[in-house]
Amino acid sequence: MFRRVGSRLLICAILSSPFFISGGIAFLDPSVPMLLRLMVLSVGLVIMALGTYVSLSGVAPTPTLATGEKEIIVRHPSPKPAYARVALSIPFIIATGYLFTFTEYPYVYPFVTFMIGLYFLFKGIMKYLRNLHITYTITDRRVMHMYKFLWLHTKEIPVARLISISESRSFFEILTGRGTVVASAGFGAAQIVKIEEIENVTPVAEALREMLPSNG
């Protein structure tokens, strides 16, 4: 447990360190606007504070099975698609530093690249932290998506009502070799469970296809 929490805190420290370093350097340069200095440092503080809190409290939920219910597959989202989002932010952050330090362009240009990089960075960080709290479980009776942070949210559909199983891959899932299995028991979001950003998608999809009523 301590090793897992330590690795999560290390990742948060690595992600926030460029902002602490950049903010510290900016404070040594009087020409840098105070608002920009505070903004950069604030980003680092938010990343570290949020990451620390979620890392210490991040426990993936465990489903309670009914009497006689058999657990078949348990999966958690892979962190690699989140890492890919963070990696995509790096060129924009580097471009921000270059434009700000080595060019005479107005501050609006580095501000734009900074905001784009910040968008991808926070998308990746929030995806990573959120995935720490998600468990996908397939039993001989149910397909479940469980998310636990502050409160527990469970979404499930009975396998007896499954009507279709499909696979999909987002841009970041393609980049990282991950994918999503979509289990549908009808129309509408309440009738669909998405098993997102997991490794080895095909075995999960095949296991669910074997449970379709027509195959039972």
N, C-alpha and C. Protein backbone atom coordinates (compact mmCIF):
# COMPACT_ATOMS: atom_id res chain seq x y z
N MET A 1 0.84 -1.21 0.00
CA MET A 1 0.00 0.00 0.00
C MET A 1 0.87 1.25 0.00
N PHE A 2 1.88 1.26 0.91
CA PHE A 2 2.74 2.45 1.00
C PHE A 2 3.52 2.66 -0.30
N ARG A 3 3.90 1.56 -0.93
CA ARG A 3 4.61 1.67 -2.20
C ARG A 3 3.72 2.28 -3.27
N ARG A 4 2.45 1.85 -3.30
CA ARG A 4 1.52 2.38 -4.29
C ARG A 4 1.26 3.86 -4.07
N VAL A 5 1.04 4.25 -2.81
CA VAL A 5 0.81 5.66 -2.50
C VAL A 5 2.05 6.48 -2.81
N GLY A 6 3.23 5.93 -2.49
CA GLY A 6 4.47 6.64 -2.77
C GLY A 6 4.69 6.87 -4.25
N SER A 7 4.35 5.88 -5.08
CA SER A 7 4.51 6.04 -6.53
C SER A 7 3.56 7.10 -7.07
N ARG A 8 2.35 7.16 -6.50
CA ARG A 8 1.39 8.17 -6.95
C ARG A 8 1.86 9.57 -6.56
N LEU A 9 2.38 9.71 -5.35
CA LEU A 9 2.89 11.01 -4.91
C LEU A 9 4.09 11.44 -5.74
N LEU A 10 4.93 10.47 -6.12
CA LEU A 10 6.09 10.79 -6.95
C LEU A 10 5.66 11.32 -8.31
N ILE A 11 4.63 10.69 -8.89
CA ILE A 11 4.12 11.15 -10.19
C ILE A 11 3.59 12.58 -10.06
N CYS A 12 2.85 12.87 -9.00
CA CYS A 12 2.32 14.22 -8.79
C CYS A 12 3.45 15.23 -8.62
N ALA A 13 4.51 14.83 -7.90
CA ALA A 13 5.65 15.72 -7.70
C ALA A 13 6.36 16.01 -9.01
N ILE A 14 6.48 14.98 -9.86
CA ILE A 14 7.12 15.17 -11.17
C ILE A 14 6.30 16.12 -12.04
N LEU A 15 4.97 15.95 -12.01
CA LEU A 15 4.10 16.78 -12.84
C LEU A 15 4.07 18.23 -12.37
N SER A 16 4.18 18.44 -11.07
CA SER A 16 4.10 19.80 -10.55
C SER A 16 5.44 20.51 -10.53
N SER A 17 6.54 19.76 -10.55
CA SER A 17 7.87 20.38 -10.41
C SER A 17 8.20 21.41 -11.50
N PRO A 18 7.84 21.19 -12.79
CA PRO A 18 8.16 22.24 -13.77
C PRO A 18 7.53 23.59 -13.44
N PHE A 19 6.35 23.56 -12.83
CA PHE A 19 5.67 24.82 -12.50
C PHE A 19 6.33 25.49 -11.29
N PHE A 20 6.77 24.69 -10.32
CA PHE A 20 7.49 25.27 -9.19
C PHE A 20 8.83 25.86 -9.64
N ILE A 21 9.53 25.15 -10.51
CA ILE A 21 10.82 25.63 -10.99
C ILE A 21 10.65 26.89 -11.84
N SER A 22 9.68 26.84 -12.77
CA SER A 22 9.43 28.00 -13.63
C SER A 22 8.97 29.20 -12.82
N GLY A 23 8.09 28.94 -11.85
CA GLY A 23 7.62 30.04 -11.01
C GLY A 23 8.73 30.64 -10.18
N GLY A 24 9.62 29.79 -9.65
CA GLY A 24 10.74 30.30 -8.87
C GLY A 24 11.69 31.13 -9.71
N ILE A 25 11.97 30.65 -10.93
CA ILE A 25 12.84 31.41 -11.83
C ILE A 25 12.19 32.74 -12.20
N ALA A 26 10.86 32.70 -12.42
CA ALA A 26 10.15 33.92 -12.80
C ALA A 26 10.23 34.98 -11.71
N PHE A 27 10.23 34.53 -10.45
CA PHE A 27 10.32 35.49 -9.35
C PHE A 27 11.68 36.17 -9.27
N LEU A 28 12.69 35.57 -9.90
CA LEU A 28 14.02 36.18 -9.92
C LEU A 28 14.16 37.19 -11.06
N ASP A 29 13.16 37.21 -11.94
CA ASP A 29 13.20 38.13 -13.08
C ASP A 29 12.15 39.22 -12.87
N PRO A 30 12.55 40.44 -12.56
CA PRO A 30 11.59 41.53 -12.30
C PRO A 30 10.71 41.87 -13.51
N SER A 31 11.16 41.50 -14.71
CA SER A 31 10.38 41.85 -15.90
C SER A 31 9.16 40.97 -16.08
N VAL A 32 9.11 39.85 -15.36
CA VAL A 32 7.97 38.94 -15.48
C VAL A 32 6.80 39.50 -14.68
N PRO A 33 5.63 39.64 -15.30
CA PRO A 33 4.47 40.17 -14.57
C PRO A 33 4.14 39.32 -13.34
N MET A 34 3.80 39.97 -12.27
CA MET A 34 3.48 39.28 -11.02
C MET A 34 2.34 38.29 -11.20
N LEU A 35 1.32 38.65 -12.01
CA LEU A 35 0.19 37.76 -12.23
C LEU A 35 0.65 36.45 -12.86
N LEU A 36 1.57 36.53 -13.81
CA LEU A 36 2.06 35.32 -14.46
C LEU A 36 2.85 34.46 -13.48
N ARG A 37 3.66 35.07 -12.63
CA ARG A 37 4.42 34.32 -11.64
C ARG A 37 3.48 33.54 -10.72
N LEU A 38 2.47 34.25 -10.21
CA LEU A 38 1.53 33.62 -9.29
C LEU A 38 0.72 32.52 -9.98
N MET A 39 0.38 32.73 -11.24
CA MET A 39 -0.40 31.75 -11.99
C MET A 39 0.39 30.45 -12.14
N VAL A 40 1.67 30.57 -12.49
CA VAL A 40 2.50 29.37 -12.69
C VAL A 40 2.66 28.61 -11.38
N LEU A 41 2.96 29.33 -10.30
CA LEU A 41 3.12 28.67 -9.00
C LEU A 41 1.80 28.06 -8.53
N SER A 42 0.70 28.73 -8.81
CA SER A 42 -0.61 28.21 -8.38
C SER A 42 -0.93 26.89 -9.07
N VAL A 43 -0.57 26.79 -10.34
CA VAL A 43 -0.80 25.53 -11.06
C VAL A 43 -0.05 24.39 -10.38
N GLY A 44 1.22 24.63 -10.03
CA GLY A 44 2.00 23.62 -9.34
C GLY A 44 1.40 23.23 -8.00
N LEU A 45 0.94 24.22 -7.25
CA LEU A 45 0.33 23.95 -5.94
C LEU A 45 -0.96 23.15 -6.07
N VAL A 46 -1.77 23.51 -7.06
CA VAL A 46 -3.04 22.80 -7.26
C VAL A 46 -2.78 21.35 -7.64
N ILE A 47 -1.83 21.11 -8.55
CA ILE A 47 -1.51 19.75 -8.96
C ILE A 47 -1.02 18.92 -7.77
N MET A 48 -0.12 19.50 -6.99
CA MET A 48 0.45 18.76 -5.86
C MET A 48 -0.59 18.51 -4.77
N ALA A 49 -1.39 19.53 -4.46
CA ALA A 49 -2.39 19.38 -3.41
C ALA A 49 -3.47 18.37 -3.79
N LEU A 50 -3.97 18.50 -5.03
CA LEU A 50 -5.01 17.58 -5.48
C LEU A 50 -4.47 16.17 -5.60
N GLY A 51 -3.26 16.05 -6.14
CA GLY A 51 -2.66 14.73 -6.28
C GLY A 51 -2.40 14.06 -4.94
N THR A 52 -1.95 14.83 -3.96
CA THR A 52 -1.68 14.29 -2.63
C THR A 52 -2.97 13.79 -1.98
N TYR A 53 -4.00 14.60 -2.05
CA TYR A 53 -5.27 14.22 -1.44
C TYR A 53 -5.85 12.95 -2.07
N VAL A 54 -5.88 12.94 -3.41
CA VAL A 54 -6.47 11.79 -4.11
C VAL A 54 -5.61 10.54 -3.93
N SER A 55 -4.28 10.72 -3.92
CA SER A 55 -3.40 9.56 -3.75
C SER A 55 -3.58 8.91 -2.39
N LEU A 56 -3.78 9.72 -1.36
CA LEU A 56 -3.95 9.19 0.00
C LEU A 56 -5.33 8.57 0.20
N SER A 57 -6.32 9.08 -0.53
CA SER A 57 -7.68 8.58 -0.34
C SER A 57 -8.13 7.66 -1.47
N GLY A 58 -7.29 7.52 -2.50
CA GLY A 58 -7.69 6.77 -3.68
C GLY A 58 -7.66 5.26 -3.47
N VAL A 59 -8.81 4.67 -3.24
CA VAL A 59 -8.94 3.23 -3.10
C VAL A 59 -10.01 2.76 -4.06
N ALA A 60 -9.64 1.88 -4.98
CA ALA A 60 -10.61 1.37 -5.94
C ALA A 60 -11.67 0.56 -5.21
N PRO A 61 -12.94 0.76 -5.51
CA PRO A 61 -14.01 0.07 -4.79
C PRO A 61 -14.05 -1.42 -5.13
N THR A 62 -14.55 -2.20 -4.19
CA THR A 62 -14.71 -3.65 -4.37
C THR A 62 -16.19 -3.98 -4.29
N PRO A 63 -16.74 -4.66 -5.29
CA PRO A 63 -18.17 -4.94 -5.28
C PRO A 63 -18.53 -6.03 -4.26
N THR A 64 -19.75 -5.94 -3.78
CA THR A 64 -20.30 -6.98 -2.90
C THR A 64 -21.13 -7.93 -3.74
N LEU A 65 -20.76 -9.18 -3.74
CA LEU A 65 -21.44 -10.16 -4.58
C LEU A 65 -22.60 -10.81 -3.83
N ALA A 66 -23.62 -11.15 -4.58
CA ALA A 66 -24.76 -11.87 -4.00
C ALA A 66 -24.38 -13.32 -3.74
N THR A 67 -25.18 -13.98 -2.94
CA THR A 67 -24.93 -15.40 -2.64
C THR A 67 -24.96 -16.21 -3.92
N GLY A 68 -23.90 -16.96 -4.16
CA GLY A 68 -23.83 -17.79 -5.36
C GLY A 68 -23.35 -17.08 -6.60
N GLU A 69 -23.14 -15.76 -6.52
CA GLU A 69 -22.69 -15.00 -7.68
C GLU A 69 -21.20 -15.22 -7.90
N LYS A 70 -20.81 -15.45 -9.15
CA LYS A 70 -19.42 -15.78 -9.46
C LYS A 70 -18.75 -14.61 -10.17
N GLU A 71 -17.61 -14.18 -9.63
CA GLU A 71 -16.83 -13.11 -10.26
C GLU A 71 -16.02 -13.69 -11.41
N ILE A 72 -16.12 -13.06 -12.58
CA ILE A 72 -15.44 -13.57 -13.77
C ILE A 72 -14.24 -12.71 -14.16
N ILE A 73 -14.45 -11.39 -14.23
CA ILE A 73 -13.38 -10.47 -14.64
C ILE A 73 -13.43 -9.23 -13.76
N VAL A 74 -12.27 -8.78 -13.31
CA VAL A 74 -12.13 -7.50 -12.59
C VAL A 74 -11.03 -6.71 -13.28
N ARG A 75 -11.34 -5.50 -13.69
CA ARG A 75 -10.35 -4.66 -14.37
C ARG A 75 -10.37 -3.25 -13.80
N HIS A 76 -9.25 -2.55 -13.95
CA HIS A 76 -9.14 -1.14 -13.63
C HIS A 76 -8.61 -0.42 -14.86
N PRO A 77 -8.96 0.85 -15.05
CA PRO A 77 -8.45 1.59 -16.22
C PRO A 77 -6.93 1.67 -16.19
N SER A 78 -6.34 1.59 -17.36
CA SER A 78 -4.89 1.75 -17.48
C SER A 78 -4.53 3.23 -17.36
N PRO A 79 -3.40 3.57 -16.72
CA PRO A 79 -3.01 4.98 -16.62
C PRO A 79 -2.37 5.52 -17.90
N LYS A 80 -2.03 4.65 -18.85
CA LYS A 80 -1.25 5.11 -20.00
C LYS A 80 -1.97 6.14 -20.88
N PRO A 81 -3.30 6.01 -21.14
CA PRO A 81 -3.95 7.08 -21.89
C PRO A 81 -3.88 8.44 -21.18
N ALA A 82 -3.93 8.42 -19.84
CA ALA A 82 -3.77 9.67 -19.09
C ALA A 82 -2.36 10.21 -19.26
N TYR A 83 -1.36 9.32 -19.22
CA TYR A 83 0.02 9.75 -19.44
C TYR A 83 0.19 10.37 -20.83
N ALA A 84 -0.51 9.81 -21.82
CA ALA A 84 -0.41 10.33 -23.19
C ALA A 84 -0.94 11.76 -23.27
N ARG A 85 -2.01 12.04 -22.55
CA ARG A 85 -2.55 13.40 -22.51
C ARG A 85 -1.54 14.36 -21.89
N VAL A 86 -0.91 13.91 -20.81
CA VAL A 86 0.10 14.74 -20.16
C VAL A 86 1.27 14.98 -21.11
N ALA A 87 1.70 13.93 -21.82
CA ALA A 87 2.81 14.06 -22.76
C ALA A 87 2.49 15.05 -23.87
N LEU A 88 1.23 15.07 -24.29
CA LEU A 88 0.83 16.00 -25.36
C LEU A 88 0.94 17.45 -24.91
N SER A 89 0.83 17.68 -23.61
CA SER A 89 0.92 19.06 -23.11
C SER A 89 2.35 19.59 -23.10
N ILE A 90 3.33 18.70 -23.08
CA ILE A 90 4.73 19.11 -22.93
C ILE A 90 5.21 20.03 -24.05
N PRO A 91 4.95 19.72 -25.35
CA PRO A 91 5.41 20.64 -26.40
C PRO A 91 4.85 22.06 -26.25
N PHE A 92 3.61 22.17 -25.81
CA PHE A 92 3.01 23.49 -25.64
C PHE A 92 3.65 24.25 -24.48
N ILE A 93 3.96 23.52 -23.40
CA ILE A 93 4.60 24.17 -22.26
C ILE A 93 6.03 24.60 -22.61
N ILE A 94 6.74 23.74 -23.37
CA ILE A 94 8.09 24.11 -23.82
C ILE A 94 8.02 25.32 -24.75
N ALA A 95 7.03 25.31 -25.66
CA ALA A 95 6.86 26.45 -26.57
C ALA A 95 6.58 27.73 -25.79
N THR A 96 5.82 27.60 -24.70
CA THR A 96 5.55 28.77 -23.86
C THR A 96 6.83 29.33 -23.28
N GLY A 97 7.67 28.45 -22.75
CA GLY A 97 8.95 28.90 -22.19
C GLY A 97 9.84 29.54 -23.23
N TYR A 98 9.84 28.97 -24.44
CA TYR A 98 10.68 29.53 -25.51
C TYR A 98 10.18 30.91 -25.93
N LEU A 99 8.87 31.01 -26.17
CA LEU A 99 8.31 32.29 -26.60
C LEU A 99 8.51 33.37 -25.55
N PHE A 100 8.37 32.96 -24.30
CA PHE A 100 8.48 33.94 -23.22
C PHE A 100 9.92 34.38 -22.98
N THR A 101 10.86 33.44 -23.14
CA THR A 101 12.25 33.71 -22.76
C THR A 101 13.09 34.23 -23.91
N PHE A 102 12.90 33.69 -25.10
CA PHE A 102 13.83 33.96 -26.19
C PHE A 102 13.25 34.79 -27.34
N THR A 103 12.02 35.24 -27.21
CA THR A 103 11.43 36.06 -28.27
C THR A 103 10.87 37.35 -27.67
N GLU A 104 10.53 38.25 -28.56
CA GLU A 104 9.95 39.53 -28.14
C GLU A 104 8.46 39.60 -28.45
N TYR A 105 7.85 38.44 -28.67
CA TYR A 105 6.42 38.43 -28.98
C TYR A 105 5.63 38.95 -27.78
N PRO A 106 4.47 39.52 -28.03
CA PRO A 106 3.60 39.96 -26.92
C PRO A 106 3.23 38.77 -26.03
N TYR A 107 2.93 39.06 -24.78
CA TYR A 107 2.64 37.99 -23.82
C TYR A 107 1.43 37.16 -24.20
N VAL A 108 0.60 37.66 -25.11
CA VAL A 108 -0.59 36.91 -25.49
C VAL A 108 -0.23 35.60 -26.16
N TYR A 109 0.89 35.56 -26.90
CA TYR A 109 1.27 34.33 -27.60
C TYR A 109 1.69 33.23 -26.63
N PRO A 110 2.63 33.49 -25.72
CA PRO A 110 2.94 32.44 -24.75
C PRO A 110 1.77 32.11 -23.84
N PHE A 111 0.87 33.07 -23.61
CA PHE A 111 -0.29 32.79 -22.78
C PHE A 111 -1.20 31.77 -23.47
N VAL A 112 -1.37 31.91 -24.79
CA VAL A 112 -2.22 30.97 -25.54
C VAL A 112 -1.63 29.57 -25.51
N THR A 113 -0.32 29.45 -25.79
CA THR A 113 0.30 28.12 -25.76
C THR A 113 0.28 27.54 -24.35
N PHE A 114 0.42 28.40 -23.36
CA PHE A 114 0.38 27.94 -21.98
C PHE A 114 -1.00 27.37 -21.63
N MET A 115 -2.05 28.04 -22.06
CA MET A 115 -3.41 27.58 -21.76
C MET A 115 -3.72 26.28 -22.49
N ILE A 116 -3.23 26.13 -23.72
CA ILE A 116 -3.44 24.87 -24.45
C ILE A 116 -2.73 23.73 -23.73
N GLY A 117 -1.46 23.96 -23.37
CA GLY A 117 -0.72 22.95 -22.64
C GLY A 117 -1.36 22.62 -21.31
N LEU A 118 -1.87 23.66 -20.63
CA LEU A 118 -2.51 23.45 -19.34
C LEU A 118 -3.78 22.61 -19.48
N TYR A 119 -4.50 22.82 -20.57
CA TYR A 119 -5.73 22.05 -20.82
C TYR A 119 -5.41 20.56 -20.91
N PHE A 120 -4.44 20.20 -21.76
CA PHE A 120 -4.09 18.78 -21.91
C PHE A 120 -3.49 18.22 -20.62
N LEU A 121 -2.71 19.04 -19.93
CA LEU A 121 -2.08 18.59 -18.68
C LEU A 121 -3.14 18.25 -17.64
N PHE A 122 -4.09 19.15 -17.44
CA PHE A 122 -5.11 18.91 -16.43
C PHE A 122 -6.07 17.79 -16.84
N LYS A 123 -6.33 17.67 -18.16
CA LYS A 123 -7.16 16.55 -18.63
C LYS A 123 -6.48 15.23 -18.28
N GLY A 124 -5.16 15.17 -18.51
CA GLY A 124 -4.43 13.95 -18.21
C GLY A 124 -4.37 13.67 -16.73
N ILE A 125 -4.09 14.70 -15.94
CA ILE A 125 -4.00 14.52 -14.48
C ILE A 125 -5.34 14.10 -13.89
N MET A 126 -6.41 14.78 -14.30
CA MET A 126 -7.73 14.44 -13.76
C MET A 126 -8.16 13.04 -14.18
N LYS A 127 -7.81 12.66 -15.42
CA LYS A 127 -8.12 11.30 -15.87
C LYS A 127 -7.35 10.27 -15.05
N TYR A 128 -6.07 10.56 -14.80
CA TYR A 128 -5.25 9.64 -14.00
C TYR A 128 -5.80 9.50 -12.58
N LEU A 129 -6.10 10.62 -11.94
CA LEU A 129 -6.58 10.59 -10.56
C LEU A 129 -7.96 9.95 -10.48
N ARG A 130 -8.81 10.23 -11.44
CA ARG A 130 -10.15 9.64 -11.43
C ARG A 130 -10.08 8.12 -11.60
N ASN A 131 -9.17 7.67 -12.47
CA ASN A 131 -9.09 6.24 -12.73
C ASN A 131 -8.62 5.44 -11.52
N LEU A 132 -7.99 6.10 -10.56
CA LEU A 132 -7.58 5.41 -9.34
C LEU A 132 -8.77 4.90 -8.54
N HIS A 133 -9.94 5.45 -8.81
CA HIS A 133 -11.14 5.15 -8.02
C HIS A 133 -12.15 4.30 -8.78
N ILE A 134 -11.77 3.74 -9.91
CA ILE A 134 -12.72 3.01 -10.75
C ILE A 134 -12.41 1.52 -10.78
N THR A 135 -13.45 0.72 -10.67
CA THR A 135 -13.35 -0.73 -10.81
C THR A 135 -14.43 -1.21 -11.77
N TYR A 136 -14.03 -2.05 -12.72
CA TYR A 136 -14.98 -2.70 -13.61
C TYR A 136 -15.06 -4.17 -13.21
N THR A 137 -16.26 -4.67 -13.00
CA THR A 137 -16.44 -6.06 -12.59
C THR A 137 -17.48 -6.74 -13.46
N ILE A 138 -17.15 -7.93 -13.91
CA ILE A 138 -18.09 -8.76 -14.67
C ILE A 138 -18.30 -10.05 -13.88
N THR A 139 -19.55 -10.33 -13.57
CA THR A 139 -19.88 -11.58 -12.89
C THR A 139 -20.79 -12.40 -13.81
N ASP A 140 -21.24 -13.54 -13.33
CA ASP A 140 -22.15 -14.34 -14.13
C ASP A 140 -23.57 -13.77 -14.13
N ARG A 141 -23.76 -12.64 -13.38
CA ARG A 141 -25.09 -12.03 -13.32
C ARG A 141 -25.11 -10.57 -13.76
N ARG A 142 -23.98 -9.85 -13.54
CA ARG A 142 -23.99 -8.40 -13.76
C ARG A 142 -22.71 -7.92 -14.44
N VAL A 143 -22.83 -6.75 -15.09
CA VAL A 143 -21.68 -5.98 -15.56
C VAL A 143 -21.71 -4.68 -14.78
N MET A 144 -20.62 -4.38 -14.02
CA MET A 144 -20.65 -3.26 -13.09
C MET A 144 -19.52 -2.27 -13.35
N HIS A 145 -19.87 -1.00 -13.20
CA HIS A 145 -18.90 0.10 -13.20
C HIS A 145 -19.04 0.77 -11.84
N MET A 146 -17.93 0.78 -11.06
CA MET A 146 -17.98 1.36 -9.72
C MET A 146 -16.97 2.49 -9.62
N TYR A 147 -17.42 3.62 -9.09
CA TYR A 147 -16.56 4.79 -8.89
C TYR A 147 -16.76 5.28 -7.47
N LYS A 148 -15.67 5.35 -6.72
CA LYS A 148 -15.77 5.76 -5.32
C LYS A 148 -14.79 6.88 -5.02
N PHE A 149 -15.36 8.07 -4.83
CA PHE A 149 -14.58 9.22 -4.37
C PHE A 149 -15.54 10.13 -3.63
N LEU A 150 -15.35 10.24 -2.32
CA LEU A 150 -16.28 10.92 -1.42
C LEU A 150 -17.57 10.13 -1.27
N TRP A 151 -18.14 9.68 -2.39
CA TRP A 151 -19.31 8.83 -2.31
C TRP A 151 -19.15 7.72 -3.35
N LEU A 152 -19.97 6.69 -3.24
CA LEU A 152 -19.90 5.53 -4.14
C LEU A 152 -20.98 5.64 -5.19
N HIS A 153 -20.55 5.54 -6.44
CA HIS A 153 -21.50 5.52 -7.56
C HIS A 153 -21.34 4.20 -8.30
N THR A 154 -22.42 3.44 -8.37
CA THR A 154 -22.39 2.15 -9.04
C THR A 154 -23.40 2.13 -10.19
N LYS A 155 -22.92 1.64 -11.32
CA LYS A 155 -23.78 1.49 -12.48
C LYS A 155 -23.67 0.04 -12.95
N GLU A 156 -24.78 -0.62 -13.10
CA GLU A 156 -24.73 -2.03 -13.48
C GLU A 156 -25.92 -2.40 -14.35
N ILE A 157 -25.70 -3.43 -15.15
CA ILE A 157 -26.77 -3.99 -15.98
C ILE A 157 -26.70 -5.52 -15.86
N PRO A 158 -27.86 -6.18 -15.83
CA PRO A 158 -27.86 -7.65 -15.75
C PRO A 158 -27.40 -8.26 -17.07
N VAL A 159 -26.62 -9.32 -16.98
CA VAL A 159 -26.15 -9.96 -18.21
C VAL A 159 -27.31 -10.59 -18.97
N ALA A 160 -28.39 -10.92 -18.29
CA ALA A 160 -29.55 -11.53 -18.95
C ALA A 160 -30.22 -10.55 -19.91
N ARG A 161 -29.96 -9.23 -19.74
CA ARG A 161 -30.59 -8.23 -20.59
C ARG A 161 -29.64 -7.68 -21.66
N LEU A 162 -28.44 -8.21 -21.73
CA LEU A 162 -27.49 -7.72 -22.73
C LEU A 162 -28.02 -7.95 -24.14
N ILE A 163 -27.90 -6.92 -24.98
CA ILE A 163 -28.33 -7.06 -26.37
C ILE A 163 -27.19 -6.84 -27.36
N SER A 164 -26.13 -6.18 -26.93
CA SER A 164 -25.00 -5.97 -27.84
C SER A 164 -23.72 -5.68 -27.06
N ILE A 165 -22.61 -6.11 -27.64
CA ILE A 165 -21.28 -5.85 -27.10
C ILE A 165 -20.43 -5.28 -28.24
N SER A 166 -19.78 -4.17 -27.99
CA SER A 166 -18.94 -3.57 -29.02
C SER A 166 -17.62 -3.09 -28.42
N GLU A 167 -16.66 -2.86 -29.29
CA GLU A 167 -15.36 -2.35 -28.89
C GLU A 167 -15.11 -1.01 -29.57
N SER A 168 -14.46 -0.11 -28.87
CA SER A 168 -14.12 1.19 -29.45
C SER A 168 -12.77 1.63 -28.90
N ARG A 169 -12.14 2.54 -29.64
CA ARG A 169 -10.84 3.07 -29.22
C ARG A 169 -10.78 4.56 -29.52
N SER A 170 -10.48 5.35 -28.52
CA SER A 170 -10.29 6.77 -28.71
C SER A 170 -8.88 7.02 -29.24
N PHE A 171 -8.59 8.26 -29.57
CA PHE A 171 -7.27 8.62 -30.09
C PHE A 171 -6.18 8.22 -29.10
N PHE A 172 -6.37 8.54 -27.84
CA PHE A 172 -5.35 8.24 -26.83
C PHE A 172 -5.29 6.75 -26.52
N GLU A 173 -6.40 6.04 -26.66
CA GLU A 173 -6.37 4.58 -26.49
C GLU A 173 -5.61 3.92 -27.63
N ILE A 174 -5.77 4.43 -28.83
CA ILE A 174 -5.02 3.88 -29.97
C ILE A 174 -3.53 4.10 -29.77
N LEU A 175 -3.16 5.29 -29.31
CA LEU A 175 -1.74 5.60 -29.08
C LEU A 175 -1.10 4.66 -28.06
N THR A 176 -1.88 4.25 -27.07
CA THR A 176 -1.33 3.46 -25.96
C THR A 176 -1.72 1.99 -26.01
N GLY A 177 -2.40 1.56 -27.05
CA GLY A 177 -2.77 0.15 -27.18
C GLY A 177 -3.83 -0.30 -26.20
N ARG A 178 -4.67 0.62 -25.77
CA ARG A 178 -5.77 0.28 -24.89
C ARG A 178 -7.10 0.40 -25.65
N GLY A 179 -8.20 0.12 -24.97
CA GLY A 179 -9.48 0.21 -25.64
C GLY A 179 -10.64 0.19 -24.66
N THR A 180 -11.84 0.26 -25.22
CA THR A 180 -13.07 0.31 -24.44
C THR A 180 -14.04 -0.76 -24.92
N VAL A 181 -14.67 -1.43 -23.98
CA VAL A 181 -15.74 -2.37 -24.28
C VAL A 181 -17.06 -1.73 -23.86
N VAL A 182 -18.02 -1.73 -24.77
CA VAL A 182 -19.33 -1.13 -24.48
C VAL A 182 -20.36 -2.25 -24.38
N ALA A 183 -20.94 -2.41 -23.20
CA ALA A 183 -21.98 -3.41 -22.97
C ALA A 183 -23.32 -2.68 -22.91
N SER A 184 -24.23 -3.09 -23.77
CA SER A 184 -25.52 -2.40 -23.88
C SER A 184 -26.67 -3.35 -23.58
N ALA A 185 -27.61 -2.84 -22.77
CA ALA A 185 -28.83 -3.60 -22.46
C ALA A 185 -30.07 -2.89 -22.97
N GLY A 186 -29.88 -1.85 -23.77
CA GLY A 186 -31.01 -1.08 -24.29
C GLY A 186 -30.55 0.28 -24.75
N PHE A 187 -31.48 1.20 -24.85
CA PHE A 187 -31.19 2.54 -25.32
C PHE A 187 -31.07 3.50 -24.13
N GLY A 188 -30.20 4.48 -24.27
CA GLY A 188 -30.01 5.45 -23.20
C GLY A 188 -28.80 5.13 -22.36
N ALA A 189 -28.25 6.18 -21.75
CA ALA A 189 -27.02 6.03 -20.97
C ALA A 189 -27.19 5.08 -19.79
N ALA A 190 -28.38 5.02 -19.22
CA ALA A 190 -28.61 4.16 -18.05
C ALA A 190 -28.53 2.68 -18.40
N GLN A 191 -28.64 2.36 -19.69
CA GLN A 191 -28.62 0.97 -20.13
C GLN A 191 -27.28 0.56 -20.72
N ILE A 192 -26.25 1.40 -20.54
CA ILE A 192 -24.94 1.13 -21.13
C ILE A 192 -23.86 1.22 -20.06
N VAL A 193 -22.98 0.25 -20.04
CA VAL A 193 -21.80 0.28 -19.19
C VAL A 193 -20.57 0.26 -20.09
N LYS A 194 -19.72 1.26 -19.91
CA LYS A 194 -18.48 1.34 -20.68
C LYS A 194 -17.30 0.93 -19.81
N ILE A 195 -16.57 -0.05 -20.27
CA ILE A 195 -15.36 -0.51 -19.59
C ILE A 195 -14.20 0.14 -20.33
N GLU A 196 -13.76 1.30 -19.83
CA GLU A 196 -12.91 2.19 -20.60
C GLU A 196 -11.42 2.03 -20.28
N GLU A 197 -10.61 2.26 -21.33
CA GLU A 197 -9.15 2.39 -21.22
C GLU A 197 -8.51 1.20 -20.51
N ILE A 198 -8.88 0.00 -20.93
CA ILE A 198 -8.33 -1.20 -20.32
C ILE A 198 -7.36 -1.89 -21.28
N GLU A 199 -6.50 -2.72 -20.71
CA GLU A 199 -5.61 -3.55 -21.50
C GLU A 199 -6.36 -4.80 -21.97
N ASN A 200 -5.87 -5.41 -23.06
CA ASN A 200 -6.43 -6.67 -23.56
C ASN A 200 -7.95 -6.60 -23.67
N VAL A 201 -8.41 -5.75 -24.55
CA VAL A 201 -9.85 -5.51 -24.70
C VAL A 201 -10.59 -6.73 -25.21
N THR A 202 -10.02 -7.42 -26.18
CA THR A 202 -10.74 -8.51 -26.86
C THR A 202 -11.19 -9.62 -25.92
N PRO A 203 -10.35 -10.11 -24.99
CA PRO A 203 -10.84 -11.16 -24.09
C PRO A 203 -12.05 -10.73 -23.25
N VAL A 204 -12.08 -9.47 -22.85
CA VAL A 204 -13.23 -8.97 -22.09
C VAL A 204 -14.48 -8.94 -22.95
N ALA A 205 -14.33 -8.45 -24.19
CA ALA A 205 -15.47 -8.40 -25.11
C ALA A 205 -15.98 -9.80 -25.43
N GLU A 206 -15.06 -10.74 -25.63
CA GLU A 206 -15.47 -12.11 -25.96
C GLU A 206 -16.18 -12.77 -24.79
N ALA A 207 -15.70 -12.50 -23.57
CA ALA A 207 -16.36 -13.06 -22.39
C ALA A 207 -17.80 -12.56 -22.28
N LEU A 208 -17.99 -11.28 -22.59
CA LEU A 208 -19.34 -10.73 -22.54
C LEU A 208 -20.21 -11.26 -23.68
N ARG A 209 -19.63 -11.45 -24.85
CA ARG A 209 -20.41 -11.98 -25.98
C ARG A 209 -20.91 -13.38 -25.69
N GLU A 210 -20.14 -14.16 -24.95
CA GLU A 210 -20.57 -15.50 -24.59
C GLU A 210 -21.77 -15.49 -23.63
N MET A 211 -21.98 -14.32 -23.00
CA MET A 211 -23.10 -14.21 -22.06
C MET A 211 -24.38 -13.69 -22.72
N LEU A 212 -24.29 -13.28 -23.97
CA LEU A 212 -25.50 -12.79 -24.65
C LEU A 212 -26.58 -13.86 -24.63
N PRO A 213 -27.82 -13.48 -24.39
CA PRO A 213 -28.90 -14.48 -24.28
C PRO A 213 -28.97 -15.44 -25.45
N SER A 214 -28.66 -14.99 -26.66
CA SER A 214 -28.73 -15.86 -27.82
C SER A 214 -27.64 -16.92 -27.81
N ASN A 215 -26.56 -16.64 -26.98
CA ASN A 215 -25.46 -17.59 -26.90
C ASN A 215 -25.53 -18.45 -25.65
N GLY A 216 -26.55 -18.14 -24.80
CA GLY A 216 -26.61 -18.86 -23.54
C GLY A 216 -27.20 -20.26 -23.70
